[in-house]
PDB file of N, CA and C in Angstrom:
ATOM      1  N   MET A   1      26.965   6.759  33.193  1.00  0.00           N
ATOM      2  CA  MET A   1      28.276   7.376  33.118  1.00  0.00           C
ATOM      3  C   MET A   1      28.412   8.349  34.290  1.00  0.00           C
ATOM      4  N   LEU A   2      29.512   8.259  34.978  1.00  0.00           N
ATOM      5  CA  LEU A   2      29.767   9.123  36.122  1.00  0.00           C
ATOM      6  C   LEU A   2      30.821  10.160  35.777  1.00  0.00           C
ATOM      7  N   ARG A   3      30.714  11.298  36.381  1.00  0.00           N
ATOM      8  CA  ARG A   3      31.767  12.300  36.304  1.00  0.00           C
ATOM      9  C   ARG A   3      32.121  12.611  37.752  1.00  0.00           C
ATOM     10  N   GLY A   4      33.385  12.614  38.030  1.00  0.00           N
ATOM     11  CA  GLY A   4      33.784  12.824  39.406  1.00  0.00           C
ATOM     12  C   GLY A   4      34.897  13.831  39.531  1.00  0.00           C
ATOM     13  N   ILE A   5      35.259  14.105  40.764  1.00  0.00           N
ATOM     14  CA  ILE A   5      36.331  15.060  41.013  1.00  0.00           C
ATOM     15  C   ILE A   5      37.611  14.375  41.474  1.00  0.00           C
ATOM     16  N   GLU A   6      37.528  13.079  41.760  1.00  0.00           N
ATOM     17  CA  GLU A   6      38.725  12.338  42.119  1.00  0.00           C
ATOM     18  C   GLU A   6      38.524  10.865  41.798  1.00  0.00           C
ATOM     19  N   LYS A   7      39.639  10.182  41.676  1.00  0.00           N
ATOM     20  CA  LYS A   7      39.602   8.762  41.385  1.00  0.00           C
ATOM     21  C   LYS A   7      39.153   8.023  42.640  1.00  0.00           C
ATOM     22  N   PHE A   8      38.332   6.975  42.452  1.00  0.00           N
ATOM     23  CA  PHE A   8      37.857   6.222  43.608  1.00  0.00           C
ATOM     24  C   PHE A   8      37.664   4.759  43.245  1.00  0.00           C
ATOM     25  N   ARG A   9      37.532   3.955  44.290  1.00  0.00           N
ATOM     26  CA  ARG A   9      37.286   2.517  44.158  1.00  0.00           C
ATOM     27  C   ARG A   9      35.958   2.236  44.845  1.00  0.00           C
ATOM     28  N   ILE A  10      35.096   1.470  44.180  1.00  0.00           N
ATOM     29  CA  ILE A  10      33.826   1.090  44.792  1.00  0.00           C
ATOM     30  C   ILE A  10      34.099  -0.076  45.734  1.00  0.00           C
ATOM     31  N   ARG A  11      33.807   0.124  47.005  1.00  0.00           N
ATOM     32  CA  ARG A  11      34.039  -0.900  48.025  1.00  0.00           C
ATOM     33  C   ARG A  11      32.830  -1.822  48.169  1.00  0.00           C
ATOM     34  N   SER A  12      31.637  -1.244  48.069  1.00  0.00           N
ATOM     35  CA  SER A  12      30.416  -2.043  48.159  1.00  0.00           C
ATOM     36  C   SER A  12      29.270  -1.225  47.588  1.00  0.00           C
ATOM     37  N   GLU A  13      28.157  -1.910  47.384  1.00  0.00           N
ATOM     38  CA  GLU A  13      26.961  -1.236  46.881  1.00  0.00           C
ATOM     39  C   GLU A  13      25.793  -1.531  47.802  1.00  0.00           C
ATOM     40  N   ASP A  14      24.929  -0.548  47.945  1.00  0.00           N
ATOM     41  CA  ASP A  14      23.711  -0.679  48.737  1.00  0.00           C
ATOM     42  C   ASP A  14      22.579  -0.964  47.747  1.00  0.00           C
ATOM     43  N   HIS A  15      22.000  -2.150  47.821  1.00  0.00           N
ATOM     44  CA  HIS A  15      20.939  -2.555  46.890  1.00  0.00           C
ATOM     45  C   HIS A  15      19.548  -2.402  47.504  1.00  0.00           C
ATOM     46  N   SER A  16      19.435  -1.710  48.630  1.00  0.00           N
ATOM     47  CA  SER A  16      18.149  -1.601  49.310  1.00  0.00           C
ATOM     48  C   SER A  16      17.252  -0.514  48.720  1.00  0.00           C
ATOM     49  N   ARG A  17      17.758   0.219  47.768  1.00  0.00           N
ATOM     50  CA  ARG A  17      16.986   1.318  47.173  1.00  0.00           C
ATOM     51  C   ARG A  17      16.741   1.029  45.692  1.00  0.00           C
ATOM     52  N   PRO A  18      15.813   1.745  45.081  1.00  0.00           N
ATOM     53  CA  PRO A  18      15.551   1.513  43.649  1.00  0.00           C
ATOM     54  C   PRO A  18      16.651   2.075  42.736  1.00  0.00           C
ATOM     55  N   TYR A  19      17.632   2.719  43.303  1.00  0.00           N
ATOM     56  CA  TYR A  19      18.750   3.267  42.537  1.00  0.00           C
ATOM     57  C   TYR A  19      20.050   2.796  43.196  1.00  0.00           C
ATOM     58  N   ARG A  20      21.129   2.865  42.446  1.00  0.00           N
ATOM     59  CA  ARG A  20      22.412   2.370  42.950  1.00  0.00           C
ATOM     60  C   ARG A  20      23.068   3.387  43.877  1.00  0.00           C
ATOM     61  N   VAL A  21      23.556   2.901  44.992  1.00  0.00           N
ATOM     62  CA  VAL A  21      24.326   3.719  45.934  1.00  0.00           C
ATOM     63  C   VAL A  21      25.608   2.952  46.205  1.00  0.00           C
ATOM     64  N   GLY A  22      26.712   3.605  45.986  1.00  0.00           N
ATOM     65  CA  GLY A  22      27.987   2.954  46.205  1.00  0.00           C
ATOM     66  C   GLY A  22      28.712   3.525  47.403  1.00  0.00           C
ATOM     67  N   HIS A  23      29.428   2.671  48.081  1.00  0.00           N
ATOM     68  CA  HIS A  23      30.315   3.091  49.160  1.00  0.00           C
ATOM     69  C   HIS A  23      31.708   3.076  48.547  1.00  0.00           C
ATOM     70  N   VAL A  24      32.332   4.237  48.510  1.00  0.00           N
ATOM     71  CA  VAL A  24      33.581   4.376  47.771  1.00  0.00           C
ATOM     72  C   VAL A  24      34.739   4.777  48.672  1.00  0.00           C
ATOM     73  N   GLU A  25      35.924   4.525  48.149  1.00  0.00           N
ATOM     74  CA  GLU A  25      37.164   4.912  48.823  1.00  0.00           C
ATOM     75  C   GLU A  25      37.980   5.733  47.819  1.00  0.00           C
ATOM     76  N   ALA A  26      38.397   6.913  48.237  1.00  0.00           N
ATOM     77  CA  ALA A  26      39.210   7.762  47.361  1.00  0.00           C
ATOM     78  C   ALA A  26      40.564   7.108  47.106  1.00  0.00           C
ATOM     79  N   ILE A  27      41.056   7.275  45.877  1.00  0.00           N
ATOM     80  CA  ILE A  27      42.387   6.791  45.514  1.00  0.00           C
ATOM     81  C   ILE A  27      43.245   8.023  45.246  1.00  0.00           C
ATOM     82  N   PRO A  28      44.091   8.406  46.187  1.00  0.00           N
ATOM     83  CA  PRO A  28      44.903   9.606  45.988  1.00  0.00           C
ATOM     84  C   PRO A  28      45.871   9.433  44.823  1.00  0.00           C
ATOM     85  N   GLU A  29      46.070  10.515  44.090  1.00  0.00           N
ATOM     86  CA  GLU A  29      47.006  10.481  42.959  1.00  0.00           C
ATOM     87  C   GLU A  29      48.038  11.584  43.115  1.00  0.00           C
ATOM     88  N   ALA A  30      48.767  11.525  44.199  1.00  0.00           N
ATOM     89  CA  ALA A  30      49.831  12.502  44.396  1.00  0.00           C
ATOM     90  C   ALA A  30      50.914  12.260  43.352  1.00  0.00           C
ATOM     91  N   ILE A  31      51.465  13.330  42.830  1.00  0.00           N
ATOM     92  CA  ILE A  31      52.521  13.204  41.826  1.00  0.00           C
ATOM     93  C   ILE A  31      53.853  13.044  42.549  1.00  0.00           C
ATOM     94  N   PRO A  32      54.536  11.917  42.317  1.00  0.00           N
ATOM     95  CA  PRO A  32      55.838  11.729  42.952  1.00  0.00           C
ATOM     96  C   PRO A  32      56.805  12.830  42.498  1.00  0.00           C
ATOM     97  N   PRO A  33      57.688  13.278  43.372  1.00  0.00           N
ATOM     98  CA  PRO A  33      58.617  14.367  43.026  1.00  0.00           C
ATOM     99  C   PRO A  33      59.417  14.112  41.751  1.00  0.00           C
ATOM    100  N   ASP A  34      59.774  12.853  41.495  1.00  0.00           N
ATOM    101  CA  ASP A  34      60.571  12.564  40.302  1.00  0.00           C
ATOM    102  C   ASP A  34      59.751  12.596  39.008  1.00  0.00           C
ATOM    103  N   GLU A  35      58.411  12.797  39.111  1.00  0.00           N
ATOM    104  CA  GLU A  35      57.570  12.878  37.921  1.00  0.00           C
ATOM    105  C   GLU A  35      57.128  14.302  37.603  1.00  0.00           C
ATOM    106  N   VAL A  36      57.469  15.264  38.458  1.00  0.00           N
ATOM    107  CA  VAL A  36      57.024  16.648  38.249  1.00  0.00           C
ATOM    108  C   VAL A  36      57.589  17.226  36.947  1.00  0.00           C
ATOM    109  N   GLN A  37      58.893  17.133  36.745  1.00  0.00           N
ATOM    110  CA  GLN A  37      59.499  17.678  35.519  1.00  0.00           C
ATOM    111  C   GLN A  37      59.093  16.891  34.272  1.00  0.00           C
ATOM    112  N   PRO A  38      59.077  15.537  34.310  1.00  0.00           N
ATOM    113  CA  PRO A  38      58.587  14.819  33.129  1.00  0.00           C
ATOM    114  C   PRO A  38      57.142  15.185  32.777  1.00  0.00           C
ATOM    115  N   LEU A  39      56.313  15.406  33.791  1.00  0.00           N
ATOM    116  CA  LEU A  39      54.928  15.803  33.538  1.00  0.00           C
ATOM    117  C   LEU A  39      54.881  17.176  32.885  1.00  0.00           C
ATOM    118  N   ARG A  40      55.717  18.096  33.317  1.00  0.00           N
ATOM    119  CA  ARG A  40      55.791  19.433  32.715  1.00  0.00           C
ATOM    120  C   ARG A  40      56.129  19.321  31.227  1.00  0.00           C
ATOM    121  N   ARG A  41      57.110  18.475  30.898  1.00  0.00           N
ATOM    122  CA  ARG A  41      57.496  18.281  29.478  1.00  0.00           C
ATOM    123  C   ARG A  41      56.364  17.636  28.691  1.00  0.00           C
ATOM    124  N   GLN A  42      55.703  16.658  29.303  1.00  0.00           N
ATOM    125  CA  GLN A  42      54.603  15.989  28.613  1.00  0.00           C
ATOM    126  C   GLN A  42      53.415  16.936  28.417  1.00  0.00           C
ATOM    127  N   ARG A  43      53.211  17.856  29.354  1.00  0.00           N
ATOM    128  CA  ARG A  43      52.137  18.835  29.189  1.00  0.00           C
ATOM    129  C   ARG A  43      52.384  19.658  27.928  1.00  0.00           C
ATOM    130  N   GLN A  44      53.616  20.086  27.723  1.00  0.00           N
ATOM    131  CA  GLN A  44      53.938  20.874  26.529  1.00  0.00           C
ATOM    132  C   GLN A  44      53.653  20.071  25.268  1.00  0.00           C
ATOM    133  N   ARG A  45      54.015  18.801  25.288  1.00  0.00           N
ATOM    134  CA  ARG A  45      53.738  17.937  24.133  1.00  0.00           C
ATOM    135  C   ARG A  45      52.230  17.754  23.955  1.00  0.00           C
ATOM    136  N   LEU A  46      51.501  17.560  25.059  1.00  0.00           N
ATOM    137  CA  LEU A  46      50.049  17.412  25.013  1.00  0.00           C
ATOM    138  C   LEU A  46      49.407  18.658  24.414  1.00  0.00           C
ATOM    139  N   GLU A  47      49.849  19.827  24.836  1.00  0.00           N
ATOM    140  CA  GLU A  47      49.293  21.067  24.294  1.00  0.00           C
ATOM    141  C   GLU A  47      49.533  21.162  22.792  1.00  0.00           C
ATOM    142  N   ALA A  48      50.712  20.754  22.328  1.00  0.00           N
ATOM    143  CA  ALA A  48      51.016  20.805  20.900  1.00  0.00           C
ATOM    144  C   ALA A  48      50.130  19.838  20.118  1.00  0.00           C
ATOM    145  N   VAL A  49      49.945  18.633  20.638  1.00  0.00           N
ATOM    146  CA  VAL A  49      49.105  17.647  19.956  1.00  0.00           C
ATOM    147  C   VAL A  49      47.648  18.108  19.955  1.00  0.00           C
ATOM    148  N   LEU A  50      47.192  18.625  21.067  1.00  0.00           N
ATOM    149  CA  LEU A  50      45.814  19.101  21.147  1.00  0.00           C
ATOM    150  C   LEU A  50      45.599  20.288  20.216  1.00  0.00           C
ATOM    151  N   ALA A  51      46.575  21.175  20.126  1.00  0.00           N
ATOM    152  CA  ALA A  51      46.468  22.314  19.212  1.00  0.00           C
ATOM    153  C   ALA A  51      46.340  21.827  17.771  1.00  0.00           C
ATOM    154  N   ALA A  52      47.086  20.787  17.416  1.00  0.00           N
ATOM    155  CA  ALA A  52      46.992  20.227  16.062  1.00  0.00           C
ATOM    156  C   ALA A  52      45.607  19.634  15.828  1.00  0.00           C
ATOM    157  N   ALA A  53      45.055  18.986  16.837  1.00  0.00           N
ATOM    158  CA  ALA A  53      43.712  18.411  16.700  1.00  0.00           C
ATOM    159  C   ALA A  53      42.663  19.504  16.551  1.00  0.00           C
ATOM    160  N   ILE A  54      42.805  20.559  17.330  1.00  0.00           N
ATOM    161  CA  ILE A  54      41.845  21.658  17.267  1.00  0.00           C
ATOM    162  C   ILE A  54      41.946  22.384  15.927  1.00  0.00           C
ATOM    163  N   GLU A  55      43.149  22.467  15.411  1.00  0.00           N
ATOM    164  CA  GLU A  55      43.363  23.139  14.130  1.00  0.00           C
ATOM    165  C   GLU A  55      42.564  22.469  13.021  1.00  0.00           C
ATOM    166  N   ARG A  56      42.325  21.162  13.139  1.00  0.00           N
ATOM    167  CA  ARG A  56      41.529  20.437  12.140  1.00  0.00           C
ATOM    168  C   ARG A  56      40.144  21.030  11.996  1.00  0.00           C
ATOM    169  N   VAL A  57      39.616  21.602  13.064  1.00  0.00           N
ATOM    170  CA  VAL A  57      38.276  22.196  13.003  1.00  0.00           C
ATOM    171  C   VAL A  57      38.351  23.724  13.061  1.00  0.00           C
ATOM    172  N   ARG A  58      39.541  24.244  12.826  1.00  0.00           N
ATOM    173  CA  ARG A  58      39.790  25.688  12.737  1.00  0.00           C
ATOM    174  C   ARG A  58      39.315  26.456  13.978  1.00  0.00           C
ATOM    175  N   ALA A  59      39.641  25.914  15.131  1.00  0.00           N
ATOM    176  CA  ALA A  59      39.350  26.601  16.390  1.00  0.00           C
ATOM    177  C   ALA A  59      40.657  27.157  16.946  1.00  0.00           C
ATOM    178  N   GLU A  60      40.536  28.050  17.870  1.00  0.00           N
ATOM    179  CA  GLU A  60      41.718  28.673  18.476  1.00  0.00           C
ATOM    180  C   GLU A  60      41.991  28.022  19.826  1.00  0.00           C
ATOM    181  N   PRO A  61      43.092  27.275  19.951  1.00  0.00           N
ATOM    182  CA  PRO A  61      43.376  26.625  21.232  1.00  0.00           C
ATOM    183  C   PRO A  61      43.832  27.629  22.285  1.00  0.00           C
ATOM    184  N   LYS A  62      43.372  27.405  23.500  1.00  0.00           N
ATOM    185  CA  LYS A  62      43.793  28.249  24.623  1.00  0.00           C
ATOM    186  C   LYS A  62      44.087  27.330  25.802  1.00  0.00           C
ATOM    187  N   PHE A  63      45.291  27.425  26.309  1.00  0.00           N
ATOM    188  CA  PHE A  63      45.707  26.605  27.431  1.00  0.00           C
ATOM    189  C   PHE A  63      46.226  27.526  28.524  1.00  0.00           C
ATOM    190  N   PRO A  64      45.422  27.820  29.521  1.00  0.00           N
ATOM    191  CA  PRO A  64      45.878  28.719  30.574  1.00  0.00           C
ATOM    192  C   PRO A  64      47.058  28.131  31.333  1.00  0.00           C
ATOM    193  N   PRO A  65      48.198  28.813  31.332  1.00  0.00           N
ATOM    194  CA  PRO A  65      49.384  28.283  32.014  1.00  0.00           C
ATOM    195  C   PRO A  65      49.195  28.194  33.524  1.00  0.00           C
ATOM    196  N   SER A  66      48.208  28.909  34.067  1.00  0.00           N
ATOM    197  CA  SER A  66      47.996  28.880  35.512  1.00  0.00           C
ATOM    198  C   SER A  66      47.325  27.587  35.975  1.00  0.00           C
ATOM    199  N   VAL A  67      46.747  26.829  35.041  1.00  0.00           N
ATOM    200  CA  VAL A  67      46.121  25.561  35.416  1.00  0.00           C
ATOM    201  C   VAL A  67      47.221  24.544  35.698  1.00  0.00           C
ATOM    202  N   PRO A  68      47.208  23.935  36.883  1.00  0.00           N
ATOM    203  CA  PRO A  68      48.231  22.933  37.194  1.00  0.00           C
ATOM    204  C   PRO A  68      48.223  21.791  36.177  1.00  0.00           C
ATOM    205  N   ASP A  69      49.385  21.227  35.930  1.00  0.00           N
ATOM    206  CA  ASP A  69      49.533  20.162  34.940  1.00  0.00           C
ATOM    207  C   ASP A  69      48.528  19.038  35.163  1.00  0.00           C
ATOM    208  N   GLU A  70      48.443  18.564  36.394  1.00  0.00           N
ATOM    209  CA  GLU A  70      47.554  17.437  36.667  1.00  0.00           C
ATOM    210  C   GLU A  70      46.093  17.785  36.422  1.00  0.00           C
ATOM    211  N   ASP A  71      45.681  19.024  36.720  1.00  0.00           N
ATOM    212  CA  ASP A  71      44.295  19.431  36.477  1.00  0.00           C
ATOM    213  C   ASP A  71      43.997  19.481  34.982  1.00  0.00           C
ATOM    214  N   LEU A  72      44.948  19.977  34.193  1.00  0.00           N
ATOM    215  CA  LEU A  72      44.763  20.032  32.744  1.00  0.00           C
ATOM    216  C   LEU A  72      44.633  18.619  32.175  1.00  0.00           C
ATOM    217  N   VAL A  73      45.545  17.732  32.553  1.00  0.00           N
ATOM    218  CA  VAL A  73      45.516  16.354  32.041  1.00  0.00           C
ATOM    219  C   VAL A  73      44.206  15.679  32.425  1.00  0.00           C
ATOM    220  N   ASN A  74      43.816  15.775  33.684  1.00  0.00           N
ATOM    221  CA  ASN A  74      42.596  15.104  34.136  1.00  0.00           C
ATOM    222  C   ASN A  74      41.351  15.700  33.496  1.00  0.00           C
ATOM    223  N   ALA A  75      41.303  17.013  33.320  1.00  0.00           N
ATOM    224  CA  ALA A  75      40.141  17.643  32.668  1.00  0.00           C
ATOM    225  C   ALA A  75      40.034  17.197  31.217  1.00  0.00           C
ATOM    226  N   LEU A  76      41.155  17.179  30.510  1.00  0.00           N
ATOM    227  CA  LEU A  76      41.114  16.735  29.113  1.00  0.00           C
ATOM    228  C   LEU A  76      40.716  15.267  29.022  1.00  0.00           C
ATOM    229  N   ALA A  77      41.245  14.443  29.906  1.00  0.00           N
ATOM    230  CA  ALA A  77      40.895  13.016  29.901  1.00  0.00           C
ATOM    231  C   ALA A  77      39.404  12.823  30.160  1.00  0.00           C
ATOM    232  N   GLN A  78      38.820  13.713  30.924  1.00  0.00           N
ATOM    233  CA  GLN A  78      37.406  13.588  31.261  1.00  0.00           C
ATOM    234  C   GLN A  78      36.498  14.201  30.205  1.00  0.00           C
ATOM    235  N   TYR A  79      36.871  15.351  29.646  1.00  0.00           N
ATOM    236  CA  TYR A  79      35.921  16.100  28.827  1.00  0.00           C
ATOM    237  C   TYR A  79      36.157  16.063  27.327  1.00  0.00           C
ATOM    238  N   LEU A  80      37.280  15.533  26.863  1.00  0.00           N
ATOM    239  CA  LEU A  80      37.468  15.422  25.423  1.00  0.00           C
ATOM    240  C   LEU A  80      36.408  14.503  24.835  1.00  0.00           C
ATOM    241  N   ASP A  81      36.037  14.756  23.610  1.00  0.00           N
ATOM    242  CA  ASP A  81      35.030  13.956  22.927  1.00  0.00           C
ATOM    243  C   ASP A  81      35.659  12.646  22.469  1.00  0.00           C
ATOM    244  N   LEU A  82      35.682  11.677  23.379  1.00  0.00           N
ATOM    245  CA  LEU A  82      36.287  10.371  23.125  1.00  0.00           C
ATOM    246  C   LEU A  82      35.240   9.284  23.333  1.00  0.00           C
ATOM    247  N   GLU A  83      35.577   8.089  22.887  1.00  0.00           N
ATOM    248  CA  GLU A  83      34.701   6.943  23.124  1.00  0.00           C
ATOM    249  C   GLU A  83      34.728   6.599  24.615  1.00  0.00           C
ATOM    250  N   ILE A  84      33.674   5.971  25.089  1.00  0.00           N
ATOM    251  CA  ILE A  84      33.579   5.616  26.506  1.00  0.00           C
ATOM    252  C   ILE A  84      34.745   4.722  26.925  1.00  0.00           C
ATOM    253  N   LEU A  85      35.101   3.755  26.099  1.00  0.00           N
ATOM    254  CA  LEU A  85      36.218   2.864  26.451  1.00  0.00           C
ATOM    255  C   LEU A  85      37.545   3.618  26.488  1.00  0.00           C
ATOM    256  N   GLU A  86      37.683   4.648  25.666  1.00  0.00           N
ATOM    257  CA  GLU A  86      38.902   5.459  25.704  1.00  0.00           C
ATOM    258  C   GLU A  86      38.974   6.243  27.011  1.00  0.00           C
ATOM    259  N   HIS A  87      37.833   6.807  27.418  1.00  0.00           N
ATOM    260  CA  HIS A  87      37.793   7.501  28.715  1.00  0.00           C
ATOM    261  C   HIS A  87      38.156   6.530  29.833  1.00  0.00           C
ATOM    262  N   GLN A  88      37.578   5.338  29.790  1.00  0.00           N
ATOM    263  CA  GLN A  88      37.837   4.349  30.834  1.00  0.00           C
ATOM    264  C   GLN A  88      39.317   3.976  30.880  1.00  0.00           C
ATOM    265  N   ALA A  89      39.914   3.773  29.721  1.00  0.00           N
ATOM    266  CA  ALA A  89      41.340   3.415  29.674  1.00  0.00           C
ATOM    267  C   ALA A  89      42.187   4.532  30.281  1.00  0.00           C
ATOM    268  N   LEU A  90      41.829   5.777  30.014  1.00  0.00           N
ATOM    269  CA  LEU A  90      42.578   6.903  30.587  1.00  0.00           C
ATOM    270  C   LEU A  90      42.419   6.942  32.105  1.00  0.00           C
ATOM    271  N   LEU A  91      41.197   6.700  32.575  1.00  0.00           N
ATOM    272  CA  LEU A  91      40.959   6.698  34.018  1.00  0.00           C
ATOM    273  C   LEU A  91      41.752   5.605  34.721  1.00  0.00           C
ATOM    274  N   GLU A  92      41.943   4.489  34.045  1.00  0.00           N
ATOM    275  CA  GLU A  92      42.634   3.364  34.657  1.00  0.00           C
ATOM    276  C   GLU A  92      44.151   3.507  34.637  1.00  0.00           C
ATOM    277  N   CYS A  93      44.668   4.523  33.994  1.00  0.00           N
ATOM    278  CA  CYS A  93      46.121   4.726  33.983  1.00  0.00           C
ATOM    279  C   CYS A  93      46.625   4.918  35.404  1.00  0.00           C
ATOM    280  N   ASN A  94      47.803   4.418  35.662  1.00  0.00           N
ATOM    281  CA  ASN A  94      48.379   4.488  36.996  1.00  0.00           C
ATOM    282  C   ASN A  94      49.149   5.806  37.164  1.00  0.00           C
ATOM    283  N   GLY A  95      48.441   6.863  37.497  1.00  0.00           N
ATOM    284  CA  GLY A  95      49.064   8.157  37.744  1.00  0.00           C
ATOM    285  C   GLY A  95      48.859   9.148  36.617  1.00  0.00           C
ATOM    286  N   VAL A  96      49.091  10.404  36.931  1.00  0.00           N
ATOM    287  CA  VAL A  96      48.852  11.497  35.994  1.00  0.00           C
ATOM    288  C   VAL A  96      49.837  11.474  34.830  1.00  0.00           C
ATOM    289  N   LEU A  97      51.100  11.169  35.093  1.00  0.00           N
ATOM    290  CA  LEU A  97      52.085  11.129  34.018  1.00  0.00           C
ATOM    291  C   LEU A  97      51.726  10.051  32.995  1.00  0.00           C
ATOM    292  N   ALA A  98      51.358   8.872  33.462  1.00  0.00           N
ATOM    293  CA  ALA A  98      50.943   7.797  32.556  1.00  0.00           C
ATOM    294  C   ALA A  98      49.691   8.191  31.786  1.00  0.00           C
ATOM    295  N   ARG A  99      48.741   8.867  32.461  1.00  0.00           N
ATOM    296  CA  ARG A  99      47.510   9.321  31.807  1.00  0.00           C
ATOM    297  C   ARG A  99      47.829  10.357  30.729  1.00  0.00           C
ATOM    298  N   CYS A 100      48.757  11.245  31.017  1.00  0.00           N
ATOM    299  CA  CYS A 100      49.155  12.271  30.059  1.00  0.00           C
ATOM    300  C   CYS A 100      49.772  11.620  28.816  1.00  0.00           C
ATOM    301  N   ARG A 101      50.668  10.681  29.022  1.00  0.00           N
ATOM    302  CA  ARG A 101      51.303   9.991  27.885  1.00  0.00           C
ATOM    303  C   ARG A 101      50.269   9.224  27.059  1.00  0.00           C
ATOM    304  N   ALA A 102      49.335   8.546  27.733  1.00  0.00           N
ATOM    305  CA  ALA A 102      48.295   7.794  27.025  1.00  0.00           C
ATOM    306  C   ALA A 102      47.386   8.738  26.236  1.00  0.00           C
ATOM    307  N   LEU A 103      47.089   9.887  26.818  1.00  0.00           N
ATOM    308  CA  LEU A 103      46.250  10.875  26.144  1.00  0.00           C
ATOM    309  C   LEU A 103      46.949  11.418  24.895  1.00  0.00           C
ATOM    310  N   ILE A 104      48.230  11.672  25.000  1.00  0.00           N
ATOM    311  CA  ILE A 104      49.011  12.136  23.842  1.00  0.00           C
ATOM    312  C   ILE A 104      48.973  11.079  22.737  1.00  0.00           C
ATOM    313  N   ASP A 105      49.236   9.825  23.104  1.00  0.00           N
ATOM    314  CA  ASP A 105      49.220   8.746  22.116  1.00  0.00           C
ATOM    315  C   ASP A 105      47.852   8.639  21.442  1.00  0.00           C
ATOM    316  N   LEU A 106      46.796   8.712  22.236  1.00  0.00           N
ATOM    317  CA  LEU A 106      45.442   8.610  21.706  1.00  0.00           C
ATOM    318  C   LEU A 106      45.133   9.759  20.746  1.00  0.00           C
ATOM    319  N   LEU A 107      45.501  10.974  21.124  1.00  0.00           N
ATOM    320  CA  LEU A 107      45.250  12.132  20.261  1.00  0.00           C
ATOM    321  C   LEU A 107      46.067  12.050  18.976  1.00  0.00           C
ATOM    322  N   GLU A 108      47.306  11.585  19.072  1.00  0.00           N
ATOM    323  CA  GLU A 108      48.123  11.457  17.862  1.00  0.00           C
ATOM    324  C   GLU A 108      47.505  10.450  16.893  1.00  0.00           C
ATOM    325  N   ILE A 109      46.965   9.361  17.421  1.00  0.00           N
ATOM    326  CA  ILE A 109      46.295   8.378  16.565  1.00  0.00           C
ATOM    327  C   ILE A 109      45.088   9.028  15.888  1.00  0.00           C
ATOM    328  N   LYS A 110      44.306   9.770  16.654  1.00  0.00           N
ATOM    329  CA  LYS A 110      43.102  10.390  16.112  1.00  0.00           C
ATOM    330  C   LYS A 110      43.429  11.477  15.085  1.00  0.00           C
ATOM    331  N   ILE A 111      44.497  12.211  15.308  1.00  0.00           N
ATOM    332  CA  ILE A 111      44.883  13.265  14.365  1.00  0.00           C
ATOM    333  C   ILE A 111      45.270  12.650  13.022  1.00  0.00           C
ATOM    334  N   HIS A 112      45.926  11.504  13.069  1.00  0.00           N
ATOM    335  CA  HIS A 112      46.391  10.884  11.835  1.00  0.00           C
ATOM    336  C   HIS A 112      45.349   9.966  11.203  1.00  0.00           C
ATOM    337  N   ALA A 113      44.179   9.861  11.844  1.00  0.00           N
ATOM    338  CA  ALA A 113      43.104   9.046  11.277  1.00  0.00           C
ATOM    339  C   ALA A 113      42.578   9.731  10.023  1.00  0.00           C
ATOM    340  N   PRO A 114      41.991   8.972   9.109  1.00  0.00           N
ATOM    341  CA  PRO A 114      41.396   9.599   7.924  1.00  0.00           C
ATOM    342  C   PRO A 114      40.389  10.661   8.341  1.00  0.00           C
ATOM    343  N   ARG A 115      40.204  11.648   7.505  1.00  0.00           N
ATOM    344  CA  ARG A 115      39.330  12.788   7.830  1.00  0.00           C
ATOM    345  C   ARG A 115      37.986  12.374   8.408  1.00  0.00           C
ATOM    346  N   GLY A 116      37.395  11.317   7.908  1.00  0.00           N
ATOM    347  CA  GLY A 116      36.099  10.885   8.420  1.00  0.00           C
ATOM    348  C   GLY A 116      36.204  10.121   9.725  1.00  0.00           C
ATOM    349  N   GLY A 117      37.436   9.774  10.138  1.00  0.00           N
ATOM    350  CA  GLY A 117      37.636   8.938  11.302  1.00  0.00           C
ATOM    351  C   GLY A 117      37.421   9.646  12.628  1.00  0.00           C
ATOM    352  N   TRP A 118      37.790  10.916  12.699  1.00  0.00           N
ATOM    353  CA  TRP A 118      37.597  11.664  13.941  1.00  0.00           C
ATOM    354  C   TRP A 118      37.252  13.078  13.563  1.00  0.00           C
ATOM    355  N   SER A 119      36.244  13.617  14.189  1.00  0.00           N
ATOM    356  CA  SER A 119      35.755  14.936  13.822  1.00  0.00           C
ATOM    357  C   SER A 119      36.682  16.049  14.285  1.00  0.00           C
ATOM    358  N   GLY A 120      37.551  15.754  15.248  1.00  0.00           N
ATOM    359  CA  GLY A 120      38.395  16.797  15.807  1.00  0.00           C
ATOM    360  C   GLY A 120      37.664  17.602  16.863  1.00  0.00           C
ATOM    361  N   LYS A 121      36.386  17.230  17.097  1.00  0.00           N
ATOM    362  CA  LYS A 121      35.603  17.916  18.123  1.00  0.00           C
ATOM    363  C   LYS A 121      36.268  17.664  19.463  1.00  0.00           C
ATOM    364  N   VAL A 122      36.492  18.723  20.195  1.00  0.00           N
ATOM    365  CA  VAL A 122      37.262  18.595  21.413  1.00  0.00           C
ATOM    366  C   VAL A 122      36.391  18.241  22.611  1.00  0.00           C
ATOM    367  N   PHE A 123      35.318  18.951  22.835  1.00  0.00           N
ATOM    368  CA  PHE A 123      34.505  18.700  24.015  1.00  0.00           C
ATOM    369  C   PHE A 123      33.111  18.270  23.626  1.00  0.00           C
ATOM    370  N   HIS A 124      32.462  17.526  24.545  1.00  0.00           N
ATOM    371  CA  HIS A 124      31.090  17.045  24.324  1.00  0.00           C
ATOM    372  C   HIS A 124      30.157  18.229  24.201  1.00  0.00           C
TER     373      HIS A 124
END
C-alpha cells in the first residue's frame, strides 16, 4: 500500500533490483474555476456527514476552515478507516469534486449501515 502526496501514473517499472522501483508521471488535479463553488458546498455537506459518523463513536469533530477544500477531501480520502478497494475507488475519481461527492456517498452508506457494519472509526 502506498501513500503519496499527489496522484500519479506508473509509466514503467525497473525490475533490476530486489524491490520494485517505478517511474511515475504526476497527474495534476487543478480545480477548474467552475468547480470551486460546487466544491465549497460539497465540503460543507462532507463535514456534516463526517460529523454524523464521528458522533457514532462520541468524538468531537474538528474541521479547520483554513484547510483548503481539496486538501481536506484528499486527506479524508486517504486517511479515513476504509476498505482498500474503497480507497482505490476514491483515488480513481476524476477530480476533487467527484472524489468529494463519492466520499459523501460512501460515508452516508456507512452511517446508515447496521451498528455492527461500520465502527465509525475515522482514522487508521
